[in-house]
């Protein structure tokens, strides 16, 4: 996943608060330290197994990309899921973000893990029983410089960063 740096995360929380206020929602915002762009979902296990961590680290070590810019400019609520827990998200991305996601997916598969080659880049703002009307927002632009392997402890809203990879700056 791409963990959001504090200044960007603060901007995301401002956007989320504005959406909540405009839609009169009482949903709990995602904590600042949990704001991220998901790239791949590896497993849902009650216990973290070292063989999966090792394989995921090998996969990530094999991926090389330069730092890149992204832009998120739309708000939607994803359909489906539990009716009382629908995700309202920022949508957007960039071609390099999609490339990173596909490279990671292929590397995960090559290392014996489940990986996906496509996804909908998003940043989850909050979960709610009500949907918001899809809408454009002023673009949120930032540079992605790292990606991380994170263990999300099921049901605890607790993230443990297992390792992070710095992407070199692209020289123009």
N, C-alpha and C. Protein backbone atom coordinates (compact mmCIF):
# COMPACT_ATOMS: atom_id res chain seq x y z
N UNK A 1 0.84 -1.17 0.00
CA UNK A 1 0.00 0.00 0.00
C UNK A 1 0.88 1.23 0.00
N UNK A 2 0.29 2.32 -0.38
CA UNK A 2 0.98 3.61 -0.30
C UNK A 2 0.41 4.35 0.89
N UNK A 3 1.21 4.48 1.94
CA UNK A 3 0.78 5.24 3.11
C UNK A 3 0.88 6.72 2.79
N UNK A 4 -0.11 7.50 3.19
CA UNK A 4 -0.11 8.92 2.88
C UNK A 4 0.72 9.69 3.90
N UNK A 5 1.55 10.59 3.41
CA UNK A 5 2.32 11.45 4.29
C UNK A 5 1.37 12.39 5.02
N UNK A 6 1.76 12.87 6.19
CA UNK A 6 0.88 13.67 7.04
C UNK A 6 0.24 14.87 6.34
N UNK A 7 0.98 15.69 5.59
CA UNK A 7 0.31 16.84 4.96
C UNK A 7 -0.80 16.41 3.99
N UNK A 8 -0.56 15.36 3.24
CA UNK A 8 -1.58 14.86 2.30
C UNK A 8 -2.74 14.26 3.09
N UNK A 9 -2.42 13.48 4.11
CA UNK A 9 -3.46 12.88 4.94
C UNK A 9 -4.35 13.93 5.58
N UNK A 10 -3.76 15.03 6.01
CA UNK A 10 -4.56 16.12 6.60
C UNK A 10 -5.51 16.71 5.56
N UNK A 11 -5.05 16.85 4.32
CA UNK A 11 -5.92 17.35 3.25
C UNK A 11 -7.06 16.36 3.00
N UNK A 12 -6.76 15.07 3.02
CA UNK A 12 -7.79 14.05 2.82
C UNK A 12 -8.83 14.14 3.92
N UNK A 13 -8.41 14.32 5.16
CA UNK A 13 -9.36 14.43 6.27
C UNK A 13 -10.23 15.68 6.14
N UNK A 14 -9.68 16.77 5.63
CA UNK A 14 -10.48 17.97 5.37
C UNK A 14 -11.55 17.69 4.32
N UNK A 15 -11.18 16.99 3.26
CA UNK A 15 -12.14 16.62 2.22
C UNK A 15 -13.23 15.74 2.82
N UNK A 16 -12.83 14.73 3.61
CA UNK A 16 -13.80 13.82 4.21
C UNK A 16 -14.76 14.55 5.14
N UNK A 17 -14.25 15.46 5.93
CA UNK A 17 -15.10 16.24 6.84
C UNK A 17 -16.11 17.05 6.05
N UNK A 18 -15.66 17.66 4.95
CA UNK A 18 -16.57 18.43 4.11
C UNK A 18 -17.68 17.56 3.52
N UNK A 19 -17.34 16.37 3.10
CA UNK A 19 -18.33 15.43 2.54
C UNK A 19 -19.32 15.01 3.62
N UNK A 20 -18.80 14.72 4.81
CA UNK A 20 -19.69 14.35 5.91
C UNK A 20 -20.67 15.47 6.24
N UNK A 21 -20.16 16.68 6.35
CA UNK A 21 -20.99 17.83 6.69
C UNK A 21 -22.05 18.06 5.62
N UNK A 22 -21.63 18.06 4.35
CA UNK A 22 -22.56 18.31 3.24
C UNK A 22 -23.66 17.25 3.16
N UNK A 23 -23.34 16.03 3.60
CA UNK A 23 -24.31 14.92 3.50
C UNK A 23 -24.93 14.55 4.85
N UNK A 24 -24.62 15.34 5.88
CA UNK A 24 -25.15 15.11 7.23
C UNK A 24 -24.95 13.66 7.68
N UNK A 25 -23.70 13.21 7.56
CA UNK A 25 -23.34 11.85 7.96
C UNK A 25 -22.60 11.88 9.29
N UNK A 26 -22.82 10.87 10.09
CA UNK A 26 -22.17 10.76 11.39
C UNK A 26 -21.05 9.71 11.38
N UNK A 27 -20.57 9.34 10.21
CA UNK A 27 -19.57 8.29 10.08
C UNK A 27 -18.24 8.69 10.71
N UNK A 28 -17.52 7.71 11.22
CA UNK A 28 -16.21 7.93 11.83
C UNK A 28 -15.15 7.96 10.72
N UNK A 29 -14.37 9.05 10.70
CA UNK A 29 -13.31 9.18 9.70
C UNK A 29 -12.22 8.14 9.94
N UNK A 30 -11.53 7.74 8.88
CA UNK A 30 -10.37 6.87 9.01
C UNK A 30 -9.29 7.65 9.77
N UNK A 31 -8.57 7.00 10.64
CA UNK A 31 -7.48 7.70 11.35
C UNK A 31 -6.40 8.16 10.38
N UNK A 32 -5.80 9.29 10.67
CA UNK A 32 -4.76 9.86 9.81
C UNK A 32 -3.68 8.84 9.48
N UNK A 33 -3.23 8.08 10.46
CA UNK A 33 -2.14 7.13 10.23
C UNK A 33 -2.57 5.90 9.42
N UNK A 34 -3.87 5.77 9.13
CA UNK A 34 -4.36 4.65 8.33
C UNK A 34 -4.71 5.03 6.90
N UNK A 35 -4.59 6.29 6.56
CA UNK A 35 -4.94 6.71 5.21
C UNK A 35 -3.90 6.18 4.23
N UNK A 36 -4.39 5.54 3.16
CA UNK A 36 -3.49 4.89 2.22
C UNK A 36 -4.18 4.62 0.89
N UNK A 37 -3.38 4.27 -0.08
CA UNK A 37 -3.87 3.75 -1.36
C UNK A 37 -3.55 2.26 -1.35
N UNK A 38 -4.55 1.42 -1.44
CA UNK A 38 -4.31 -0.02 -1.50
C UNK A 38 -3.78 -0.39 -2.87
N UNK A 39 -2.79 -1.27 -2.90
CA UNK A 39 -2.22 -1.75 -4.15
C UNK A 39 -2.56 -3.22 -4.39
N UNK A 40 -2.48 -4.01 -3.35
CA UNK A 40 -2.76 -5.44 -3.43
C UNK A 40 -3.30 -5.90 -2.07
N UNK A 41 -4.10 -6.94 -2.10
CA UNK A 41 -4.56 -7.59 -0.87
C UNK A 41 -4.01 -9.01 -0.93
N UNK A 42 -3.20 -9.36 0.04
CA UNK A 42 -2.51 -10.65 -0.04
C UNK A 42 -3.32 -11.77 0.61
N UNK A 43 -3.70 -11.61 1.85
CA UNK A 43 -4.41 -12.69 2.56
C UNK A 43 -5.23 -12.13 3.71
N UNK A 44 -6.22 -12.90 4.10
CA UNK A 44 -6.96 -12.66 5.35
C UNK A 44 -6.74 -13.88 6.23
N UNK A 45 -5.85 -13.76 7.17
CA UNK A 45 -5.58 -14.83 8.12
C UNK A 45 -5.67 -14.28 9.52
N UNK A 46 -6.05 -15.14 10.46
CA UNK A 46 -6.05 -14.72 11.86
C UNK A 46 -4.64 -14.58 12.40
N UNK A 47 -3.71 -15.32 11.80
CA UNK A 47 -2.32 -15.30 12.26
C UNK A 47 -1.43 -14.99 11.06
N UNK A 48 -0.50 -14.08 11.24
CA UNK A 48 0.43 -13.71 10.18
C UNK A 48 1.49 -14.80 10.03
N UNK A 49 1.57 -15.40 8.84
CA UNK A 49 2.54 -16.47 8.62
C UNK A 49 3.78 -15.91 7.94
N UNK A 50 4.92 -16.28 8.47
CA UNK A 50 6.20 -15.76 7.98
C UNK A 50 6.44 -16.11 6.52
N UNK A 51 5.97 -17.27 6.05
CA UNK A 51 6.22 -17.64 4.65
C UNK A 51 5.53 -16.68 3.69
N UNK A 52 4.37 -16.14 4.08
CA UNK A 52 3.68 -15.18 3.23
C UNK A 52 4.36 -13.81 3.28
N UNK A 53 4.85 -13.44 4.45
CA UNK A 53 5.59 -12.18 4.58
C UNK A 53 6.86 -12.25 3.73
N UNK A 54 7.57 -13.36 3.82
CA UNK A 54 8.80 -13.54 3.05
C UNK A 54 8.51 -13.45 1.55
N UNK A 55 7.47 -14.14 1.08
CA UNK A 55 7.12 -14.12 -0.34
C UNK A 55 6.71 -12.72 -0.79
N UNK A 56 5.96 -12.00 0.06
CA UNK A 56 5.54 -10.64 -0.30
C UNK A 56 6.74 -9.71 -0.37
N UNK A 57 7.69 -9.85 0.56
CA UNK A 57 8.90 -9.02 0.53
C UNK A 57 9.73 -9.33 -0.72
N UNK A 58 9.84 -10.60 -1.08
CA UNK A 58 10.57 -10.97 -2.30
C UNK A 58 9.91 -10.33 -3.52
N UNK A 59 8.59 -10.37 -3.56
CA UNK A 59 7.85 -9.78 -4.68
C UNK A 59 8.12 -8.27 -4.74
N UNK A 60 8.00 -7.59 -3.62
CA UNK A 60 8.21 -6.14 -3.60
C UNK A 60 9.66 -5.78 -3.95
N UNK A 61 10.60 -6.59 -3.49
CA UNK A 61 12.02 -6.33 -3.81
C UNK A 61 12.29 -6.43 -5.30
N UNK A 62 11.46 -7.18 -6.03
CA UNK A 62 11.69 -7.36 -7.46
C UNK A 62 11.09 -6.24 -8.31
N UNK A 63 10.34 -5.34 -7.69
CA UNK A 63 9.66 -4.26 -8.41
C UNK A 63 10.49 -2.98 -8.30
N UNK A 64 10.72 -2.37 -9.44
CA UNK A 64 11.47 -1.12 -9.45
C UNK A 64 10.70 -0.07 -10.26
N UNK A 65 10.34 1.01 -9.60
CA UNK A 65 9.67 2.13 -10.26
C UNK A 65 10.20 3.43 -9.67
N UNK A 66 10.13 4.48 -10.46
CA UNK A 66 10.50 5.81 -10.00
C UNK A 66 9.34 6.44 -9.25
N UNK A 67 9.62 7.42 -8.41
CA UNK A 67 8.57 8.20 -7.76
C UNK A 67 7.68 8.81 -8.85
N UNK A 68 6.40 9.00 -8.52
CA UNK A 68 5.46 9.50 -9.53
C UNK A 68 4.37 10.33 -8.88
N UNK A 69 3.67 11.10 -9.71
CA UNK A 69 2.57 11.94 -9.24
C UNK A 69 1.24 11.23 -9.44
N UNK A 70 0.31 11.49 -8.52
CA UNK A 70 -1.06 10.99 -8.63
C UNK A 70 -2.03 12.15 -8.43
N UNK A 71 -3.25 11.93 -8.85
CA UNK A 71 -4.31 12.93 -8.70
C UNK A 71 -5.61 12.21 -8.34
N UNK A 72 -6.24 12.61 -7.26
CA UNK A 72 -7.53 12.08 -6.86
C UNK A 72 -8.54 13.22 -6.97
N UNK A 73 -9.64 12.98 -7.72
CA UNK A 73 -10.54 14.09 -8.04
C UNK A 73 -12.04 13.75 -8.00
N UNK A 74 -12.38 12.58 -7.46
CA UNK A 74 -13.79 12.19 -7.41
C UNK A 74 -14.10 11.51 -6.07
N UNK A 75 -15.35 11.70 -5.63
CA UNK A 75 -15.85 11.03 -4.42
C UNK A 75 -16.97 10.10 -4.86
N UNK A 76 -16.95 8.87 -4.38
CA UNK A 76 -18.04 7.92 -4.60
C UNK A 76 -18.18 7.05 -3.37
N UNK A 77 -19.31 6.38 -3.27
CA UNK A 77 -19.50 5.32 -2.28
C UNK A 77 -19.54 4.03 -3.05
N UNK A 78 -18.68 3.09 -2.69
CA UNK A 78 -18.66 1.80 -3.37
C UNK A 78 -19.96 1.05 -3.09
N UNK A 79 -20.55 0.46 -4.12
CA UNK A 79 -21.74 -0.37 -3.89
C UNK A 79 -21.33 -1.69 -3.24
N UNK A 80 -22.29 -2.38 -2.71
CA UNK A 80 -22.00 -3.69 -2.13
C UNK A 80 -21.47 -3.59 -0.72
N UNK A 81 -20.98 -4.70 -0.23
CA UNK A 81 -20.50 -4.74 1.14
C UNK A 81 -21.67 -4.78 2.10
N UNK A 82 -21.39 -4.66 3.36
CA UNK A 82 -22.45 -4.64 4.36
C UNK A 82 -23.24 -3.35 4.23
N UNK A 83 -24.56 -3.42 4.30
CA UNK A 83 -25.38 -2.20 4.16
C UNK A 83 -25.06 -1.11 5.18
N UNK A 84 -24.59 -1.50 6.36
CA UNK A 84 -24.27 -0.51 7.39
C UNK A 84 -22.81 -0.05 7.32
N UNK A 85 -22.08 -0.54 6.31
CA UNK A 85 -20.64 -0.25 6.25
C UNK A 85 -20.18 -0.11 4.80
N UNK A 86 -20.74 0.88 4.12
CA UNK A 86 -20.33 1.15 2.74
C UNK A 86 -19.17 2.14 2.75
N UNK A 87 -18.17 1.86 1.92
CA UNK A 87 -16.98 2.70 1.88
C UNK A 87 -17.19 3.90 0.97
N UNK A 88 -16.99 5.10 1.52
CA UNK A 88 -16.94 6.32 0.72
C UNK A 88 -15.47 6.64 0.50
N UNK A 89 -15.12 6.84 -0.78
CA UNK A 89 -13.71 6.91 -1.15
C UNK A 89 -13.41 8.06 -2.09
N UNK A 90 -12.12 8.43 -2.14
CA UNK A 90 -11.59 9.31 -3.18
C UNK A 90 -11.11 8.41 -4.31
N UNK A 91 -11.46 8.76 -5.54
CA UNK A 91 -11.00 8.00 -6.71
C UNK A 91 -10.05 8.85 -7.53
N UNK A 92 -9.22 8.18 -8.25
CA UNK A 92 -8.27 8.86 -9.14
C UNK A 92 -7.12 7.94 -9.40
N UNK A 93 -5.95 8.53 -9.52
CA UNK A 93 -4.76 7.72 -9.74
C UNK A 93 -3.90 8.32 -10.83
N UNK A 94 -3.16 7.42 -11.50
CA UNK A 94 -2.29 7.82 -12.60
C UNK A 94 -1.80 6.54 -13.27
N UNK A 95 -1.29 6.69 -14.47
CA UNK A 95 -0.74 5.54 -15.18
C UNK A 95 0.39 4.89 -14.39
N UNK A 96 1.34 5.66 -13.84
CA UNK A 96 2.40 5.01 -13.05
C UNK A 96 1.87 4.25 -11.83
N UNK A 97 0.79 4.75 -11.20
CA UNK A 97 0.20 4.02 -10.07
C UNK A 97 -0.34 2.68 -10.54
N UNK A 98 -1.02 2.68 -11.67
CA UNK A 98 -1.55 1.43 -12.22
C UNK A 98 -0.41 0.49 -12.60
N UNK A 99 0.68 1.04 -13.13
CA UNK A 99 1.84 0.22 -13.48
C UNK A 99 2.44 -0.43 -12.23
N UNK A 100 2.58 0.34 -11.15
CA UNK A 100 3.11 -0.21 -9.90
C UNK A 100 2.20 -1.33 -9.40
N UNK A 101 0.91 -1.10 -9.43
CA UNK A 101 -0.04 -2.10 -8.95
C UNK A 101 0.06 -3.38 -9.78
N UNK A 102 0.14 -3.27 -11.10
CA UNK A 102 0.24 -4.46 -11.96
C UNK A 102 1.56 -5.19 -11.75
N UNK A 103 2.66 -4.43 -11.64
CA UNK A 103 3.96 -5.07 -11.40
C UNK A 103 3.97 -5.82 -10.07
N UNK A 104 3.40 -5.23 -9.04
CA UNK A 104 3.31 -5.91 -7.75
C UNK A 104 2.44 -7.16 -7.86
N UNK A 105 1.32 -7.06 -8.56
CA UNK A 105 0.44 -8.22 -8.73
C UNK A 105 1.15 -9.37 -9.42
N UNK A 106 1.85 -9.07 -10.50
CA UNK A 106 2.58 -10.11 -11.23
C UNK A 106 3.70 -10.70 -10.36
N UNK A 107 4.39 -9.85 -9.60
CA UNK A 107 5.47 -10.33 -8.73
C UNK A 107 4.92 -11.20 -7.60
N UNK A 108 3.77 -10.85 -7.06
CA UNK A 108 3.15 -11.68 -6.02
C UNK A 108 2.82 -13.06 -6.57
N UNK A 109 2.21 -13.10 -7.75
CA UNK A 109 1.87 -14.38 -8.37
C UNK A 109 3.14 -15.20 -8.62
N UNK A 110 4.20 -14.56 -9.10
CA UNK A 110 5.47 -15.24 -9.35
C UNK A 110 6.08 -15.81 -8.07
N UNK A 111 5.71 -15.24 -6.93
CA UNK A 111 6.22 -15.71 -5.65
C UNK A 111 5.21 -16.57 -4.90
N UNK A 112 4.20 -17.08 -5.62
CA UNK A 112 3.26 -18.03 -5.05
C UNK A 112 2.12 -17.44 -4.25
N UNK A 113 1.90 -16.14 -4.37
CA UNK A 113 0.80 -15.50 -3.65
C UNK A 113 -0.30 -15.07 -4.62
N UNK A 114 -1.43 -14.74 -4.04
CA UNK A 114 -2.53 -14.21 -4.83
C UNK A 114 -2.22 -12.76 -5.16
N UNK A 115 -2.39 -12.39 -6.40
CA UNK A 115 -2.19 -11.01 -6.83
C UNK A 115 -3.22 -10.67 -7.87
N UNK A 116 -3.52 -9.40 -8.00
CA UNK A 116 -4.47 -8.96 -9.03
C UNK A 116 -3.77 -7.96 -9.93
N UNK A 117 -4.13 -7.99 -11.21
CA UNK A 117 -3.49 -7.11 -12.17
C UNK A 117 -4.28 -5.84 -12.41
N UNK A 118 -5.46 -5.73 -11.81
CA UNK A 118 -6.24 -4.50 -11.98
C UNK A 118 -6.93 -4.16 -10.66
N UNK A 119 -7.15 -2.89 -10.47
CA UNK A 119 -7.85 -2.44 -9.28
C UNK A 119 -8.34 -1.03 -9.52
N UNK A 120 -9.12 -0.53 -8.61
CA UNK A 120 -9.66 0.81 -8.69
C UNK A 120 -8.94 1.65 -7.63
N UNK A 121 -7.92 2.44 -8.03
CA UNK A 121 -7.17 3.18 -7.01
C UNK A 121 -8.09 4.08 -6.21
N UNK A 122 -8.00 3.97 -4.89
CA UNK A 122 -8.87 4.78 -4.03
C UNK A 122 -8.24 4.98 -2.67
N UNK A 123 -8.76 5.98 -1.99
CA UNK A 123 -8.40 6.27 -0.61
C UNK A 123 -9.71 6.25 0.17
N UNK A 124 -9.85 5.31 1.10
CA UNK A 124 -11.08 5.22 1.89
C UNK A 124 -11.14 6.36 2.89
N UNK A 125 -12.27 7.09 2.87
CA UNK A 125 -12.48 8.21 3.78
C UNK A 125 -13.19 7.78 5.04
N UNK A 126 -14.29 7.02 4.87
CA UNK A 126 -15.08 6.54 6.00
C UNK A 126 -16.05 5.48 5.52
N UNK A 127 -16.66 4.78 6.48
CA UNK A 127 -17.71 3.80 6.21
C UNK A 127 -19.01 4.33 6.78
N UNK A 128 -20.10 4.10 6.05
CA UNK A 128 -21.39 4.63 6.49
C UNK A 128 -22.51 3.75 5.95
N UNK A 129 -23.68 3.88 6.53
CA UNK A 129 -24.85 3.16 6.03
C UNK A 129 -25.49 3.90 4.85
N UNK A 130 -25.09 5.16 4.65
CA UNK A 130 -25.65 5.95 3.56
C UNK A 130 -24.59 6.24 2.51
N UNK A 131 -25.04 6.26 1.27
CA UNK A 131 -24.15 6.59 0.16
C UNK A 131 -24.15 8.10 -0.08
N UNK A 132 -23.07 8.58 -0.69
CA UNK A 132 -23.04 9.97 -1.13
C UNK A 132 -23.19 9.98 -2.64
N UNK A 133 -23.69 11.08 -3.15
CA UNK A 133 -23.84 11.24 -4.59
C UNK A 133 -22.44 11.37 -5.20
N UNK A 134 -22.13 10.58 -6.23
CA UNK A 134 -20.81 10.72 -6.87
C UNK A 134 -20.59 12.16 -7.31
N UNK A 135 -19.38 12.67 -7.08
CA UNK A 135 -19.10 14.07 -7.40
C UNK A 135 -17.63 14.31 -7.65
N UNK A 136 -17.37 15.32 -8.45
CA UNK A 136 -16.00 15.78 -8.70
C UNK A 136 -15.60 16.70 -7.54
N UNK A 137 -14.31 16.71 -7.22
CA UNK A 137 -13.79 17.63 -6.21
C UNK A 137 -12.57 18.32 -6.80
N UNK A 138 -12.11 19.37 -6.12
CA UNK A 138 -10.85 19.97 -6.54
C UNK A 138 -9.78 18.90 -6.45
N UNK A 139 -8.96 18.76 -7.48
CA UNK A 139 -7.98 17.67 -7.50
C UNK A 139 -7.01 17.73 -6.33
N UNK A 140 -6.77 16.58 -5.74
CA UNK A 140 -5.75 16.40 -4.71
C UNK A 140 -4.56 15.74 -5.40
N UNK A 141 -3.47 16.47 -5.51
CA UNK A 141 -2.28 15.97 -6.22
C UNK A 141 -1.13 15.82 -5.23
N UNK A 142 -0.41 14.74 -5.39
CA UNK A 142 0.78 14.53 -4.56
C UNK A 142 1.71 13.53 -5.23
N UNK A 143 2.91 13.45 -4.71
CA UNK A 143 3.93 12.55 -5.25
C UNK A 143 4.04 11.32 -4.37
N UNK A 144 4.05 10.16 -5.01
CA UNK A 144 4.24 8.88 -4.32
C UNK A 144 5.73 8.56 -4.37
N UNK A 145 6.32 8.41 -3.18
CA UNK A 145 7.77 8.18 -3.08
C UNK A 145 8.12 6.82 -2.47
N UNK A 146 7.14 6.20 -1.79
CA UNK A 146 7.38 4.90 -1.16
C UNK A 146 6.13 4.05 -1.27
N UNK A 147 6.33 2.75 -1.15
CA UNK A 147 5.21 1.84 -0.93
C UNK A 147 5.60 0.88 0.18
N UNK A 148 4.61 0.32 0.84
CA UNK A 148 4.87 -0.46 2.05
C UNK A 148 4.10 -1.77 2.07
N UNK A 149 4.66 -2.74 2.75
CA UNK A 149 3.96 -3.98 3.09
C UNK A 149 3.42 -3.77 4.50
N UNK A 150 2.11 -3.88 4.62
CA UNK A 150 1.45 -3.59 5.89
C UNK A 150 0.59 -4.77 6.31
N UNK A 151 0.71 -5.14 7.57
CA UNK A 151 -0.18 -6.14 8.14
C UNK A 151 -1.29 -5.40 8.87
N UNK A 152 -2.51 -5.57 8.38
CA UNK A 152 -3.67 -4.97 9.01
C UNK A 152 -4.30 -6.04 9.91
N UNK A 153 -4.28 -5.79 11.20
CA UNK A 153 -4.82 -6.77 12.13
C UNK A 153 -6.35 -6.74 12.05
N UNK A 154 -6.90 -7.87 11.63
CA UNK A 154 -8.34 -7.98 11.38
C UNK A 154 -9.17 -7.54 12.57
N UNK A 155 -10.10 -6.63 12.27
CA UNK A 155 -11.05 -6.19 13.27
C UNK A 155 -10.50 -5.25 14.34
N UNK A 156 -9.21 -4.91 14.26
CA UNK A 156 -8.60 -4.08 15.30
C UNK A 156 -8.25 -2.68 14.84
N UNK A 157 -8.42 -2.38 13.56
CA UNK A 157 -8.01 -1.10 13.00
C UNK A 157 -6.58 -0.78 13.44
N UNK A 158 -5.71 -1.77 13.29
CA UNK A 158 -4.32 -1.61 13.68
C UNK A 158 -3.44 -2.03 12.49
N UNK A 159 -2.56 -1.13 12.07
CA UNK A 159 -1.66 -1.39 10.96
C UNK A 159 -0.23 -1.51 11.47
N UNK A 160 0.45 -2.54 10.99
CA UNK A 160 1.86 -2.74 11.31
C UNK A 160 2.64 -2.70 10.01
N UNK A 161 3.50 -1.71 9.85
CA UNK A 161 4.33 -1.61 8.64
C UNK A 161 5.47 -2.61 8.80
N UNK A 162 5.51 -3.59 7.89
CA UNK A 162 6.53 -4.64 7.94
C UNK A 162 7.79 -4.25 7.20
N UNK A 163 7.62 -3.51 6.12
CA UNK A 163 8.77 -2.99 5.37
C UNK A 163 8.26 -1.95 4.37
N UNK A 164 9.13 -1.01 4.04
CA UNK A 164 8.80 0.02 3.05
C UNK A 164 9.90 0.09 2.02
N UNK A 165 9.53 0.49 0.80
CA UNK A 165 10.47 0.60 -0.32
C UNK A 165 10.42 2.02 -0.85
N UNK A 166 11.59 2.65 -0.89
CA UNK A 166 11.74 4.01 -1.41
C UNK A 166 11.90 3.94 -2.92
N UNK A 167 11.15 4.77 -3.62
CA UNK A 167 11.25 4.84 -5.06
C UNK A 167 12.15 6.02 -5.43
N UNK A 168 13.14 5.80 -6.27
CA UNK A 168 14.04 6.91 -6.61
C UNK A 168 13.30 8.04 -7.32
N UNK A 169 13.77 9.25 -7.10
CA UNK A 169 13.19 10.42 -7.80
C UNK A 169 13.53 10.30 -9.27
N UNK A 170 12.58 10.64 -10.11
CA UNK A 170 12.80 10.60 -11.55
C UNK A 170 13.45 11.91 -11.97
N UNK A 171 14.56 11.82 -12.65
CA UNK A 171 15.26 13.02 -13.12
C UNK A 171 14.72 13.41 -14.47
N UNK A 172 14.46 14.68 -14.63
CA UNK A 172 13.91 15.19 -15.91
C UNK A 172 15.02 15.70 -16.77
